[in-house]
Structure formats: structure tokens, C-alpha cells
Amino acid sequence: MFLIFSFRILNSLTTIKVLLYLLYRSMTNLVNDVNTYADEEKNYINVVVDIPAGSHNKYEYDHELWCFKLDRVIHHSMFYPCEYGFVPQTICGDGDPLDVCLFTTDPTFTGCVIKARPIGILYTADQDGDDPKIVAVPISKVDPRRDEVETIDDLGHHRKEELSILFKEIKHLEKAKYDKVVFKGFGSVEDAIAEIKASRQRFLEGK
């Protein structure tokens, strides 16, 4: 009787483990499962938001846990002036997904997926190597307020200045990182498209 009872317990535990594993595998991994492109022919991309505009919290997607975590609260009083996220199914030069600065009308939320079009690229480097960032706006169907913004220059001089100092000065109080951050300038829409394609190729080759 004891052996039968023990077997039933073990069998139940095994069943629970199998169900938990199937549940885990049915979850969407926002890096690996969401397509890079919302419309490849038009060069529209999907952007997964890590950090909503106006936030001091540095949220990051954990590739192993398949969820967002609070990496740290920004040490400086600065905040993110745009949605900050990544392009899924890409790998950048630093080994992470390709970053995106997305200008929206209102802040969204961590984990929001937004169809966007690139308008340029911001070239930076840090302690982990080259770290370019796509600059983008939502496609017209999502938000027509940015329809006239075709290139990064259409954002205006002040917005570009904000971006050019953001990723260095936001680390001003993180002494180990600050001196290693370098702003290398802006690139065109064509440069942004080329970086997206190259980063996607790295992802595909690493699968």
C-alpha cells in the first residue's frame, strides 16, 4: 500500500513538472519570438519597450527568465525623454538586442510592442563595445502625429542635442561607466536600416 501511495505521489509530481514545462514553453519570449519586422518591405520594425518616457527606472528584459526586471534606478536626476526599447530577433555589437529610441505622443508601458519606422541612428560605445541606437517614430496607423518626421533632423536641433548627451550624462554618477561612454554622431535612415539588417543577421547566424 505504501509503495502504491508513493508511486502515485511521484507520478503526480512528474505530471505537474511536465505541465509547468509546457506552460513555460508556451510563453512568448519577446526577444526570440516576436518578428524583427512589422513590414519588411516598408522597413517597419517592431519595438519592444523596456523603459517608458519620463522614467528613472532602468528596466531590462531578462532573456533567461523571460520577463522584465528592474536593473537599477538611474543614479542621475536625468530621465529617458523617449520610449527606450529594443528590436526583437537582433544582436548588436555588444551582444544585446539592438536598442531603439522611440518618440511617441504619450508614455506607454514596459513590454508594449509598437510598430515603428526608423528615422536615423545614434552611434555610441560603452564599456561593452559599440552600442548603436535606432531612432524611430510610430508608423502612421499607430500615431499620425509623427508623419512629417522623415529623418532624424526633422526632430529638431534640441531633440538631437538631448539624445547626444543622454547616454553619457545619464551615467555621470556611475564612475566605472561614465568615462567609457562615447558619442560618435548620428546616421541616416539608410544607415539605420543597414544596422537593423546586420543585427538581424547576427541573430539568425547565432540561432
N, C-alpha and C. Protein backbone atom coordinates (compact mmCIF):
# COMPACT_ATOMS: atom_id res chain seq x y z
N MET A 1 0.83 -1.21 0.00
CA MET A 1 0.00 0.00 0.00
C MET A 1 0.87 1.26 0.00
N PHE A 2 1.91 1.25 0.83
CA PHE A 2 2.82 2.40 0.92
C PHE A 2 3.50 2.65 -0.43
N LEU A 3 3.92 1.55 -1.10
CA LEU A 3 4.60 1.70 -2.39
C LEU A 3 3.65 2.27 -3.44
N ILE A 4 2.40 1.82 -3.41
CA ILE A 4 1.42 2.34 -4.36
C ILE A 4 1.18 3.82 -4.12
N PHE A 5 1.07 4.20 -2.84
CA PHE A 5 0.83 5.60 -2.47
C PHE A 5 2.02 6.48 -2.92
N SER A 6 3.24 5.99 -2.67
CA SER A 6 4.45 6.72 -3.06
C SER A 6 4.52 6.88 -4.57
N PHE A 7 4.17 5.83 -5.31
CA PHE A 7 4.20 5.89 -6.77
C PHE A 7 3.22 6.94 -7.28
N ARG A 8 2.04 6.99 -6.65
CA ARG A 8 1.04 7.98 -7.09
C ARG A 8 1.54 9.41 -6.86
N ILE A 9 2.22 9.63 -5.73
CA ILE A 9 2.77 10.96 -5.45
C ILE A 9 3.82 11.33 -6.48
N LEU A 10 4.74 10.40 -6.77
CA LEU A 10 5.79 10.65 -7.75
C LEU A 10 5.20 10.91 -9.13
N ASN A 11 4.18 10.11 -9.47
CA ASN A 11 3.53 10.28 -10.77
C ASN A 11 2.87 11.65 -10.86
N SER A 12 2.26 12.11 -9.77
CA SER A 12 1.61 13.43 -9.74
C SER A 12 2.64 14.53 -9.88
N LEU A 13 3.76 14.39 -9.18
CA LEU A 13 4.83 15.40 -9.27
C LEU A 13 5.38 15.49 -10.69
N THR A 14 5.55 14.32 -11.31
CA THR A 14 6.05 14.31 -12.69
C THR A 14 5.07 15.01 -13.62
N THR A 15 3.79 14.75 -13.42
CA THR A 15 2.76 15.39 -14.24
C THR A 15 2.79 16.90 -14.07
N ILE A 16 2.94 17.35 -12.83
CA ILE A 16 3.00 18.79 -12.54
C ILE A 16 4.21 19.43 -13.22
N LYS A 17 5.36 18.73 -13.16
CA LYS A 17 6.58 19.25 -13.79
C LYS A 17 6.40 19.37 -15.30
N VAL A 18 5.77 18.36 -15.89
CA VAL A 18 5.53 18.39 -17.34
C VAL A 18 4.61 19.54 -17.70
N LEU A 19 3.54 19.74 -16.92
CA LEU A 19 2.59 20.82 -17.19
C LEU A 19 3.26 22.19 -17.04
N LEU A 20 4.09 22.33 -16.01
CA LEU A 20 4.81 23.60 -15.81
C LEU A 20 5.77 23.87 -16.97
N TYR A 21 6.42 22.81 -17.43
CA TYR A 21 7.36 22.98 -18.55
C TYR A 21 6.60 23.40 -19.81
N LEU A 22 5.45 22.75 -20.07
CA LEU A 22 4.66 23.10 -21.25
C LEU A 22 4.14 24.53 -21.15
N LEU A 23 3.75 24.94 -19.94
CA LEU A 23 3.30 26.31 -19.74
C LEU A 23 4.42 27.30 -20.01
N TYR A 24 5.60 26.96 -19.51
CA TYR A 24 6.79 27.82 -19.70
C TYR A 24 7.12 27.96 -21.18
N ARG A 25 7.06 26.83 -21.91
CA ARG A 25 7.40 26.86 -23.33
C ARG A 25 6.33 27.57 -24.16
N SER A 26 5.12 27.67 -23.64
CA SER A 26 4.05 28.35 -24.38
C SER A 26 4.13 29.86 -24.23
N MET A 27 4.94 30.34 -23.31
CA MET A 27 5.09 31.78 -23.11
C MET A 27 5.84 32.39 -24.29
N THR A 28 5.56 33.65 -24.58
CA THR A 28 6.24 34.35 -25.66
C THR A 28 7.52 34.97 -25.15
N ASN A 29 8.62 34.61 -25.79
CA ASN A 29 9.89 35.27 -25.50
C ASN A 29 9.98 36.50 -26.39
N LEU A 30 10.02 37.67 -25.80
CA LEU A 30 9.94 38.91 -26.57
C LEU A 30 11.18 39.18 -27.41
N VAL A 31 12.27 38.49 -27.13
CA VAL A 31 13.47 38.64 -27.95
C VAL A 31 13.44 37.66 -29.12
N ASN A 32 13.09 36.42 -28.84
CA ASN A 32 13.22 35.36 -29.84
C ASN A 32 11.96 35.10 -30.66
N ASP A 33 10.80 35.42 -30.13
CA ASP A 33 9.55 35.01 -30.77
C ASP A 33 8.83 36.12 -31.54
N VAL A 34 9.09 37.36 -31.20
CA VAL A 34 8.47 38.48 -31.92
C VAL A 34 9.31 38.79 -33.15
N ASN A 35 8.68 39.01 -34.28
CA ASN A 35 9.40 39.29 -35.51
C ASN A 35 10.14 40.63 -35.46
N THR A 36 11.26 40.68 -36.15
CA THR A 36 12.00 41.93 -36.27
C THR A 36 11.15 42.97 -36.99
N TYR A 37 10.56 42.55 -38.08
CA TYR A 37 9.84 43.48 -38.94
C TYR A 37 8.33 43.38 -38.77
N ALA A 38 7.68 44.54 -38.69
CA ALA A 38 6.22 44.60 -38.80
C ALA A 38 5.83 44.56 -40.27
N ASP A 39 6.69 45.12 -41.12
CA ASP A 39 6.52 45.07 -42.58
C ASP A 39 7.91 45.26 -43.18
N GLU A 40 8.54 44.15 -43.58
CA GLU A 40 9.92 44.22 -44.05
C GLU A 40 10.06 45.03 -45.33
N GLU A 41 9.07 44.94 -46.20
CA GLU A 41 9.14 45.67 -47.47
C GLU A 41 9.19 47.18 -47.25
N LYS A 42 8.48 47.66 -46.23
CA LYS A 42 8.46 49.09 -45.91
C LYS A 42 9.49 49.47 -44.86
N ASN A 43 10.27 48.47 -44.38
CA ASN A 43 11.26 48.69 -43.32
C ASN A 43 10.62 49.14 -42.01
N TYR A 44 9.36 48.70 -41.77
CA TYR A 44 8.72 48.93 -40.48
C TYR A 44 9.19 47.85 -39.52
N ILE A 45 9.53 48.26 -38.31
CA ILE A 45 10.04 47.31 -37.32
C ILE A 45 9.10 47.21 -36.13
N ASN A 46 9.24 46.13 -35.38
CA ASN A 46 8.59 46.01 -34.08
C ASN A 46 9.56 46.49 -33.01
N VAL A 47 9.06 47.30 -32.10
CA VAL A 47 9.88 47.79 -30.98
C VAL A 47 9.24 47.30 -29.68
N VAL A 48 10.02 46.63 -28.85
CA VAL A 48 9.57 46.22 -27.52
C VAL A 48 10.06 47.25 -26.52
N VAL A 49 9.15 47.87 -25.80
CA VAL A 49 9.51 48.93 -24.86
C VAL A 49 10.05 48.35 -23.56
N ASP A 50 11.25 48.76 -23.21
CA ASP A 50 11.81 48.47 -21.89
C ASP A 50 11.40 49.56 -20.90
N ILE A 51 11.68 50.82 -21.28
CA ILE A 51 11.54 51.95 -20.37
C ILE A 51 10.60 52.99 -20.97
N PRO A 52 9.49 53.29 -20.33
CA PRO A 52 8.60 54.34 -20.82
C PRO A 52 9.25 55.72 -20.67
N ALA A 53 8.87 56.64 -21.54
CA ALA A 53 9.38 58.01 -21.46
C ALA A 53 9.07 58.62 -20.10
N GLY A 54 10.04 59.36 -19.56
CA GLY A 54 9.87 60.03 -18.28
C GLY A 54 10.29 59.22 -17.07
N SER A 55 10.73 57.99 -17.29
CA SER A 55 11.06 57.09 -16.18
C SER A 55 12.52 57.24 -15.74
N HIS A 56 12.76 57.07 -14.44
CA HIS A 56 14.12 56.96 -13.90
C HIS A 56 14.52 55.49 -13.71
N ASN A 57 13.58 54.59 -13.92
CA ASN A 57 13.84 53.17 -13.71
C ASN A 57 14.42 52.53 -14.96
N LYS A 58 15.51 51.81 -14.79
CA LYS A 58 16.17 51.14 -15.92
C LYS A 58 15.68 49.69 -15.94
N TYR A 59 14.57 49.46 -16.66
CA TYR A 59 14.05 48.11 -16.81
C TYR A 59 14.78 47.42 -17.95
N GLU A 60 14.98 46.13 -17.81
CA GLU A 60 15.60 45.33 -18.87
C GLU A 60 14.89 44.00 -18.98
N TYR A 61 14.84 43.48 -20.20
CA TYR A 61 14.24 42.17 -20.42
C TYR A 61 15.27 41.09 -20.11
N ASP A 62 14.93 40.18 -19.22
CA ASP A 62 15.82 39.09 -18.84
C ASP A 62 15.60 37.93 -19.81
N HIS A 63 16.61 37.60 -20.60
CA HIS A 63 16.48 36.58 -21.65
C HIS A 63 16.27 35.19 -21.07
N GLU A 64 16.75 34.95 -19.85
CA GLU A 64 16.63 33.62 -19.26
C GLU A 64 15.32 33.47 -18.48
N LEU A 65 14.90 34.52 -17.80
CA LEU A 65 13.66 34.45 -17.03
C LEU A 65 12.42 34.74 -17.87
N TRP A 66 12.65 35.33 -19.08
CA TRP A 66 11.56 35.69 -19.98
C TRP A 66 10.61 36.71 -19.34
N CYS A 67 11.18 37.65 -18.64
CA CYS A 67 10.36 38.70 -18.03
C CYS A 67 11.22 39.95 -17.86
N PHE A 68 10.57 41.06 -17.53
CA PHE A 68 11.30 42.30 -17.29
C PHE A 68 11.72 42.39 -15.82
N LYS A 69 12.87 42.98 -15.62
CA LYS A 69 13.36 43.17 -14.26
C LYS A 69 13.86 44.61 -14.11
N LEU A 70 13.87 45.10 -12.91
CA LEU A 70 14.45 46.41 -12.63
C LEU A 70 15.95 46.24 -12.46
N ASP A 71 16.70 46.65 -13.46
CA ASP A 71 18.15 46.53 -13.41
C ASP A 71 18.74 47.49 -12.40
N ARG A 72 18.26 48.73 -12.44
CA ARG A 72 18.71 49.73 -11.47
C ARG A 72 17.85 50.98 -11.65
N VAL A 73 17.87 51.85 -10.66
CA VAL A 73 17.29 53.18 -10.78
C VAL A 73 18.42 54.11 -11.20
N ILE A 74 18.17 54.95 -12.21
CA ILE A 74 19.21 55.83 -12.73
C ILE A 74 19.80 56.66 -11.59
N HIS A 75 21.13 56.67 -11.50
CA HIS A 75 21.81 57.36 -10.40
C HIS A 75 21.72 58.87 -10.54
N HIS A 76 21.56 59.34 -11.77
CA HIS A 76 21.49 60.77 -12.06
C HIS A 76 20.04 61.22 -11.99
N SER A 77 19.82 62.54 -11.90
CA SER A 77 18.45 63.07 -11.88
C SER A 77 17.82 63.09 -13.27
N MET A 78 18.59 62.79 -14.33
CA MET A 78 18.05 62.74 -15.68
C MET A 78 17.05 61.59 -15.83
N PHE A 79 16.24 61.66 -16.87
CA PHE A 79 15.29 60.58 -17.16
C PHE A 79 15.27 60.36 -18.67
N TYR A 80 14.61 59.31 -19.09
CA TYR A 80 14.54 59.00 -20.51
C TYR A 80 13.48 59.88 -21.18
N PRO A 81 13.86 60.67 -22.20
CA PRO A 81 12.91 61.58 -22.87
C PRO A 81 12.07 60.90 -23.95
N CYS A 82 12.27 59.62 -24.14
CA CYS A 82 11.56 58.87 -25.18
C CYS A 82 11.37 57.44 -24.68
N GLU A 83 10.55 56.68 -25.40
CA GLU A 83 10.45 55.26 -25.10
C GLU A 83 11.78 54.61 -25.48
N TYR A 84 12.29 53.77 -24.59
CA TYR A 84 13.57 53.11 -24.86
C TYR A 84 13.35 51.61 -24.84
N GLY A 85 13.72 50.95 -25.93
CA GLY A 85 13.48 49.53 -26.01
C GLY A 85 14.43 48.84 -26.97
N PHE A 86 13.95 47.78 -27.61
CA PHE A 86 14.83 47.01 -28.48
C PHE A 86 14.06 46.42 -29.66
N VAL A 87 14.82 46.05 -30.68
CA VAL A 87 14.25 45.37 -31.85
C VAL A 87 14.41 43.86 -31.62
N PRO A 88 13.33 43.10 -31.61
CA PRO A 88 13.45 41.65 -31.38
C PRO A 88 14.19 40.95 -32.52
N GLN A 89 14.72 39.79 -32.20
CA GLN A 89 15.46 38.95 -33.13
C GLN A 89 16.62 39.72 -33.78
N THR A 90 17.34 40.45 -32.94
CA THR A 90 18.56 41.13 -33.38
C THR A 90 19.64 40.94 -32.32
N ILE A 91 20.88 41.02 -32.75
CA ILE A 91 22.02 41.04 -31.83
C ILE A 91 22.95 42.15 -32.29
N CYS A 92 23.25 43.04 -31.37
CA CYS A 92 24.12 44.18 -31.68
C CYS A 92 25.57 43.81 -31.39
N GLY A 93 26.47 44.77 -31.61
CA GLY A 93 27.89 44.51 -31.41
C GLY A 93 28.27 44.18 -29.99
N ASP A 94 27.45 44.63 -29.01
CA ASP A 94 27.75 44.36 -27.61
C ASP A 94 27.10 43.06 -27.11
N GLY A 95 26.45 42.33 -28.02
CA GLY A 95 25.84 41.05 -27.65
C GLY A 95 24.40 41.14 -27.21
N ASP A 96 23.85 42.35 -27.11
CA ASP A 96 22.45 42.55 -26.72
C ASP A 96 21.61 42.87 -27.95
N PRO A 97 20.27 42.78 -27.82
CA PRO A 97 19.42 43.21 -28.93
C PRO A 97 19.65 44.69 -29.26
N LEU A 98 19.36 45.06 -30.49
CA LEU A 98 19.58 46.42 -30.97
C LEU A 98 18.63 47.39 -30.25
N ASP A 99 19.20 48.44 -29.67
CA ASP A 99 18.42 49.42 -28.90
C ASP A 99 17.66 50.37 -29.82
N VAL A 100 16.56 50.91 -29.29
CA VAL A 100 15.74 51.86 -30.03
C VAL A 100 15.31 53.01 -29.12
N CYS A 101 15.44 54.23 -29.63
CA CYS A 101 14.84 55.41 -29.00
C CYS A 101 13.60 55.75 -29.82
N LEU A 102 12.43 55.59 -29.23
CA LEU A 102 11.17 55.74 -29.95
C LEU A 102 10.40 56.95 -29.42
N PHE A 103 10.09 57.89 -30.29
CA PHE A 103 9.38 59.09 -29.87
C PHE A 103 7.88 58.91 -30.09
N THR A 104 7.13 58.87 -29.00
CA THR A 104 5.69 58.69 -29.02
C THR A 104 5.01 59.94 -28.45
N THR A 105 3.69 60.02 -28.63
CA THR A 105 2.95 61.16 -28.09
C THR A 105 2.86 61.09 -26.58
N ASP A 106 2.58 59.92 -26.05
CA ASP A 106 2.48 59.71 -24.60
C ASP A 106 3.32 58.51 -24.21
N PRO A 107 3.75 58.43 -22.95
CA PRO A 107 4.45 57.23 -22.49
C PRO A 107 3.54 56.01 -22.62
N THR A 108 4.13 54.86 -22.92
CA THR A 108 3.36 53.62 -22.98
C THR A 108 3.64 52.81 -21.72
N PHE A 109 4.13 51.58 -21.87
CA PHE A 109 4.41 50.76 -20.69
C PHE A 109 5.46 49.72 -21.04
N THR A 110 6.11 49.23 -20.04
CA THR A 110 7.11 48.20 -20.22
C THR A 110 6.48 46.94 -20.80
N GLY A 111 7.05 46.46 -21.92
CA GLY A 111 6.52 45.27 -22.58
C GLY A 111 5.61 45.58 -23.75
N CYS A 112 5.28 46.85 -23.96
CA CYS A 112 4.43 47.23 -25.08
C CYS A 112 5.19 47.01 -26.39
N VAL A 113 4.53 46.44 -27.38
CA VAL A 113 5.12 46.23 -28.71
C VAL A 113 4.52 47.26 -29.66
N ILE A 114 5.38 48.06 -30.31
CA ILE A 114 4.93 49.17 -31.14
C ILE A 114 5.51 49.04 -32.54
N LYS A 115 4.67 49.17 -33.55
CA LYS A 115 5.14 49.18 -34.93
C LYS A 115 5.74 50.56 -35.22
N ALA A 116 6.96 50.57 -35.72
CA ALA A 116 7.68 51.84 -35.87
C ALA A 116 8.48 51.86 -37.17
N ARG A 117 8.88 53.06 -37.56
CA ARG A 117 9.76 53.21 -38.72
C ARG A 117 11.02 53.97 -38.30
N PRO A 118 12.17 53.52 -38.71
CA PRO A 118 13.42 54.20 -38.35
C PRO A 118 13.56 55.53 -39.08
N ILE A 119 14.09 56.54 -38.37
CA ILE A 119 14.36 57.84 -38.99
C ILE A 119 15.84 58.20 -38.90
N GLY A 120 16.63 57.34 -38.29
CA GLY A 120 18.06 57.60 -38.16
C GLY A 120 18.67 56.68 -37.13
N ILE A 121 19.90 56.95 -36.80
CA ILE A 121 20.63 56.12 -35.85
C ILE A 121 21.59 56.99 -35.04
N LEU A 122 21.75 56.63 -33.79
CA LEU A 122 22.67 57.31 -32.87
C LEU A 122 23.80 56.34 -32.57
N TYR A 123 25.03 56.75 -32.87
CA TYR A 123 26.18 55.87 -32.66
C TYR A 123 26.83 56.18 -31.31
N THR A 124 26.87 55.18 -30.43
CA THR A 124 27.55 55.32 -29.16
C THR A 124 28.38 54.05 -28.91
N ALA A 125 29.27 54.15 -27.94
CA ALA A 125 30.04 52.99 -27.48
C ALA A 125 30.16 53.10 -25.96
N ASP A 126 30.27 51.94 -25.30
CA ASP A 126 30.47 51.95 -23.85
C ASP A 126 31.47 50.87 -23.48
N GLN A 127 31.46 50.47 -22.22
CA GLN A 127 32.46 49.51 -21.73
C GLN A 127 32.34 48.14 -22.40
N ASP A 128 31.20 47.87 -23.02
CA ASP A 128 30.98 46.57 -23.67
C ASP A 128 31.20 46.62 -25.18
N GLY A 129 31.52 47.79 -25.72
CA GLY A 129 31.76 47.90 -27.15
C GLY A 129 30.77 48.82 -27.83
N ASP A 130 30.70 48.74 -29.16
CA ASP A 130 29.78 49.57 -29.93
C ASP A 130 28.34 49.31 -29.53
N ASP A 131 27.59 50.40 -29.37
CA ASP A 131 26.22 50.28 -28.87
C ASP A 131 25.30 51.26 -29.61
N PRO A 132 25.10 51.05 -30.92
CA PRO A 132 24.25 51.98 -31.69
C PRO A 132 22.80 51.88 -31.26
N LYS A 133 22.06 52.97 -31.50
CA LYS A 133 20.66 53.03 -31.11
C LYS A 133 19.83 53.57 -32.27
N ILE A 134 18.87 52.78 -32.70
CA ILE A 134 17.97 53.23 -33.75
C ILE A 134 17.06 54.33 -33.18
N VAL A 135 16.87 55.39 -33.95
CA VAL A 135 15.92 56.44 -33.58
C VAL A 135 14.70 56.24 -34.47
N ALA A 136 13.51 56.18 -33.88
CA ALA A 136 12.31 55.79 -34.63
C ALA A 136 11.08 56.54 -34.15
N VAL A 137 10.03 56.48 -34.95
CA VAL A 137 8.72 57.02 -34.59
C VAL A 137 7.67 55.96 -34.93
N PRO A 138 6.50 56.00 -34.30
CA PRO A 138 5.45 55.03 -34.64
C PRO A 138 5.00 55.21 -36.10
N ILE A 139 4.54 54.13 -36.71
CA ILE A 139 4.00 54.24 -38.06
C ILE A 139 2.70 55.04 -38.00
N SER A 140 2.26 55.53 -39.16
CA SER A 140 1.11 56.43 -39.21
C SER A 140 -0.16 55.81 -38.62
N LYS A 141 -0.36 54.52 -38.86
CA LYS A 141 -1.57 53.87 -38.35
C LYS A 141 -1.60 53.86 -36.82
N VAL A 142 -0.43 53.81 -36.21
CA VAL A 142 -0.35 53.82 -34.75
C VAL A 142 -0.48 55.24 -34.20
N ASP A 143 0.23 56.20 -34.83
CA ASP A 143 0.19 57.58 -34.38
C ASP A 143 0.57 58.50 -35.54
N PRO A 144 -0.40 59.19 -36.16
CA PRO A 144 -0.12 60.04 -37.32
C PRO A 144 0.59 61.35 -36.98
N ARG A 145 0.79 61.62 -35.69
CA ARG A 145 1.39 62.89 -35.29
C ARG A 145 2.86 63.02 -35.69
N ARG A 146 3.48 61.91 -36.09
CA ARG A 146 4.88 61.95 -36.49
C ARG A 146 5.06 61.72 -38.00
N ASP A 147 3.97 61.87 -38.75
CA ASP A 147 4.04 61.59 -40.18
C ASP A 147 5.04 62.49 -40.91
N GLU A 148 5.22 63.73 -40.44
CA GLU A 148 6.12 64.66 -41.10
C GLU A 148 7.57 64.44 -40.68
N VAL A 149 7.79 63.59 -39.71
CA VAL A 149 9.15 63.30 -39.25
C VAL A 149 9.70 62.16 -40.10
N GLU A 150 10.49 62.51 -41.09
CA GLU A 150 11.02 61.50 -42.02
C GLU A 150 12.47 61.15 -41.73
N THR A 151 13.23 62.10 -41.19
CA THR A 151 14.63 61.86 -40.82
C THR A 151 14.87 62.39 -39.42
N ILE A 152 16.01 62.06 -38.87
CA ILE A 152 16.32 62.50 -37.51
C ILE A 152 16.42 64.02 -37.41
N ASP A 153 16.77 64.68 -38.51
CA ASP A 153 16.85 66.14 -38.50
C ASP A 153 15.49 66.78 -38.29
N ASP A 154 14.42 66.06 -38.67
CA ASP A 154 13.07 66.60 -38.50
C ASP A 154 12.63 66.65 -37.05
N LEU A 155 13.37 65.99 -36.17
CA LEU A 155 13.08 66.09 -34.73
C LEU A 155 13.42 67.47 -34.19
N GLY A 156 14.32 68.17 -34.89
CA GLY A 156 14.76 69.48 -34.42
C GLY A 156 16.09 69.40 -33.69
N HIS A 157 16.77 70.53 -33.66
CA HIS A 157 18.10 70.60 -33.07
C HIS A 157 18.10 70.21 -31.59
N HIS A 158 17.11 70.71 -30.85
CA HIS A 158 17.11 70.47 -29.40
C HIS A 158 16.96 69.00 -29.07
N ARG A 159 16.06 68.31 -29.78
CA ARG A 159 15.88 66.87 -29.53
C ARG A 159 17.17 66.10 -29.81
N LYS A 160 17.85 66.47 -30.89
CA LYS A 160 19.11 65.81 -31.21
C LYS A 160 20.16 66.07 -30.13
N GLU A 161 20.18 67.28 -29.60
CA GLU A 161 21.12 67.59 -28.52
C GLU A 161 20.81 66.77 -27.28
N GLU A 162 19.52 66.61 -26.99
CA GLU A 162 19.13 65.77 -25.85
C GLU A 162 19.67 64.36 -26.00
N LEU A 163 19.48 63.79 -27.19
CA LEU A 163 19.95 62.43 -27.43
C LEU A 163 21.47 62.33 -27.37
N SER A 164 22.15 63.35 -27.88
CA SER A 164 23.62 63.30 -27.97
C SER A 164 24.28 63.29 -26.60
N ILE A 165 23.61 63.88 -25.59
CA ILE A 165 24.21 63.90 -24.25
C ILE A 165 23.60 62.86 -23.31
N LEU A 166 22.40 62.35 -23.68
CA LEU A 166 21.65 61.48 -22.76
C LEU A 166 22.45 60.28 -22.29
N PHE A 167 22.98 59.50 -23.23
CA PHE A 167 23.52 58.18 -22.86
C PHE A 167 24.90 58.25 -22.21
N LYS A 168 25.49 59.44 -22.20
CA LYS A 168 26.71 59.62 -21.41
C LYS A 168 26.38 60.23 -20.05
N GLU A 169 25.65 61.34 -20.07
CA GLU A 169 25.40 62.07 -18.83
C GLU A 169 24.49 61.32 -17.88
N ILE A 170 23.65 60.43 -18.41
CA ILE A 170 22.77 59.67 -17.52
C ILE A 170 23.58 58.71 -16.64
N LYS A 171 24.84 58.48 -17.03
CA LYS A 171 25.74 57.63 -16.23
C LYS A 171 26.78 58.44 -15.47
N HIS A 172 26.53 59.74 -15.33
CA HIS A 172 27.53 60.63 -14.74
C HIS A 172 27.94 60.20 -13.33
N LEU A 173 27.01 59.68 -12.57
CA LEU A 173 27.31 59.26 -11.20
C LEU A 173 27.68 57.79 -11.08
N GLU A 174 27.78 57.12 -12.21
CA GLU A 174 28.26 55.74 -12.23
C GLU A 174 29.71 55.78 -12.71
N LYS A 175 30.61 55.98 -11.78
CA LYS A 175 32.00 56.32 -12.10
C LYS A 175 32.69 55.27 -12.98
N ALA A 176 32.38 54.01 -12.78
CA ALA A 176 33.06 52.96 -13.55
C ALA A 176 32.64 52.95 -15.01
N LYS A 177 31.48 53.54 -15.32
CA LYS A 177 30.95 53.51 -16.67
C LYS A 177 31.10 54.84 -17.42
N TYR A 178 31.06 55.92 -16.69
CA TYR A 178 30.94 57.25 -17.30
C TYR A 178 32.05 57.54 -18.31
N ASP A 179 33.29 57.31 -17.92
CA ASP A 179 34.42 57.66 -18.79
C ASP A 179 34.52 56.77 -20.03
N LYS A 180 33.80 55.67 -20.03
CA LYS A 180 33.89 54.74 -21.15
C LYS A 180 32.80 54.96 -22.20
N VAL A 181 31.87 55.89 -21.93
CA VAL A 181 30.79 56.16 -22.87
C VAL A 181 31.25 57.20 -23.88
N VAL A 182 31.06 56.90 -25.16
CA VAL A 182 31.49 57.80 -26.24
C VAL A 182 30.32 58.01 -27.20
N PHE A 183 30.05 59.29 -27.51
CA PHE A 183 29.05 59.62 -28.53
C PHE A 183 29.78 59.83 -29.85
N LYS A 184 29.37 59.09 -30.88
CA LYS A 184 30.09 59.11 -32.15
C LYS A 184 29.34 59.82 -33.27
N GLY A 185 28.13 60.31 -32.99
CA GLY A 185 27.39 61.04 -34.01
C GLY A 185 26.13 60.33 -34.46
N PHE A 186 25.45 60.96 -35.42
CA PHE A 186 24.19 60.43 -35.95
C PHE A 186 24.39 59.86 -37.34
N GLY A 187 23.47 58.98 -37.75
CA GLY A 187 23.47 58.43 -39.09
C GLY A 187 22.10 58.58 -39.72
N SER A 188 22.03 58.28 -40.99
CA SER A 188 20.82 58.48 -41.78
C SER A 188 19.81 57.33 -41.62
N VAL A 189 18.67 57.50 -42.28
CA VAL A 189 17.67 56.43 -42.31
C VAL A 189 18.29 55.17 -42.93
N GLU A 190 19.04 55.37 -44.01
CA GLU A 190 19.68 54.23 -44.68
C GLU A 190 20.68 53.53 -43.78
N ASP A 191 21.39 54.30 -42.97
CA ASP A 191 22.33 53.71 -42.01
C ASP A 191 21.58 52.88 -40.97
N ALA A 192 20.44 53.40 -40.53
CA ALA A 192 19.63 52.68 -39.54
C ALA A 192 19.11 51.37 -40.11
N ILE A 193 18.61 51.41 -41.34
CA ILE A 193 18.10 50.20 -41.99
C ILE A 193 19.20 49.16 -42.14
N ALA A 194 20.39 49.63 -42.51
CA ALA A 194 21.52 48.71 -42.68
C ALA A 194 21.91 48.06 -41.35
N GLU A 195 21.86 48.83 -40.26
CA GLU A 195 22.21 48.28 -38.94
C GLU A 195 21.17 47.27 -38.48
N ILE A 196 19.91 47.53 -38.76
CA ILE A 196 18.85 46.58 -38.40
C ILE A 196 19.07 45.26 -39.13
N LYS A 197 19.36 45.33 -40.41
CA LYS A 197 19.59 44.12 -41.20
C LYS A 197 20.81 43.35 -40.71
N ALA A 198 21.89 44.09 -40.40
CA ALA A 198 23.11 43.44 -39.91
C ALA A 198 22.88 42.78 -38.55
N SER A 199 22.15 43.45 -37.68
CA SER A 199 21.88 42.92 -36.34
C SER A 199 20.96 41.70 -36.41
N ARG A 200 20.03 41.73 -37.35
CA ARG A 200 19.14 40.58 -37.53
C ARG A 200 19.93 39.38 -38.06
N GLN A 201 20.86 39.65 -38.95
CA GLN A 201 21.69 38.57 -39.50
C GLN A 201 22.52 37.93 -38.41
N ARG A 202 23.06 38.73 -37.51
CA ARG A 202 23.83 38.17 -36.38
C ARG A 202 22.95 37.25 -35.54
N PHE A 203 21.70 37.66 -35.32
CA PHE A 203 20.78 36.82 -34.54
C PHE A 203 20.53 35.50 -35.27
N LEU A 204 20.27 35.56 -36.57
CA LEU A 204 19.97 34.35 -37.33
C LEU A 204 21.18 33.40 -37.38
N GLU A 205 22.37 33.97 -37.46
CA GLU A 205 23.56 33.15 -37.50
C GLU A 205 23.87 32.52 -36.15
N GLY A 206 23.38 33.15 -35.09
CA GLY A 206 23.66 32.63 -33.74
C GLY A 206 22.63 31.67 -33.24
N LYS A 207 21.55 31.45 -34.00
CA LYS A 207 20.48 30.54 -33.55
C LYS A 207 20.94 29.09 -33.57
